[in-house]
């Protein structure tokens, strides 16, 4: 009878409400050029644990493992970051720590740790045939034939930052044509301001190589009121091998698929409330 009563109470208990979702990423970042039909988030973004490293010559580096989790009925999307500090790689390893941070994803647009990226997945192929997936933070995506878009943020220090959007529409495929016309739109906004600056120019492109990397050089003149036209030069790296497409104005960071799982770590300590000293035992 008692068990039946408990079952009835459990059945009558209201279901937990889903967490409040944040406003969509484009709305919070006040994006102006983001196309409505962006490519989907790459599946490997969610299914892979990614690593990045900092290893200065003087020592005192770290390795991080990042795992991205999508929204569920019980929790919002988040990224879990496990870090292990060391004096030198493999030497004087410190106890790993782990933290979580809110995550927002809108197609290839990704936000975490207060930064905005456009992401793309590529692969690095070793001579022995091994394939390593790569997560590129700071890429341009082809949103429709011959149209590339990229959004990214920059930390300017002292609590200041900016967000930049670039949209380049080519009259001909720059992968197969050596030159042609292009229209470039740019929107730049300081994060502390509600309004940004929008610019647009009609220019030309020429297919070139930088090192061994194919790309297109975009040139044109930006007309400004009561001022001489300003010469503009922009570089769009085209996707090739493990390199994604990317505009040269954005910083680029690359993470590799982890070959081993993240080490078990203790959560970073959370400060608690002040408590009175314990009474001495009698």
Foldseek 3Di string as FASTA:
>chain_A
DVVVVVVVVVVPDDDDAFDDDDDAPCVLQVDDPDDPQAAAADPCLQVFWWKDWDFDPQFWIKMKIKHWDDDDRHDHTKIKIKMWIARGVPHRIDFIAIDMWGWHDDGQWIDTPHWIFRWDKAWDADPVGDIWIKIKTAAWDDRDQQKTKTKIKDDPDPPKIKIKIKIKHFPDHVVPDQKGKIKMKMWMDISVDPHTDIWIFIWMWGWDDDPNWTWIKTWDWTDDPPDDTHIDIWIWTPDDHRDHTHIPVDDMDMIIGDPDDRDDHYYDDDDDDDDDDDDDDD
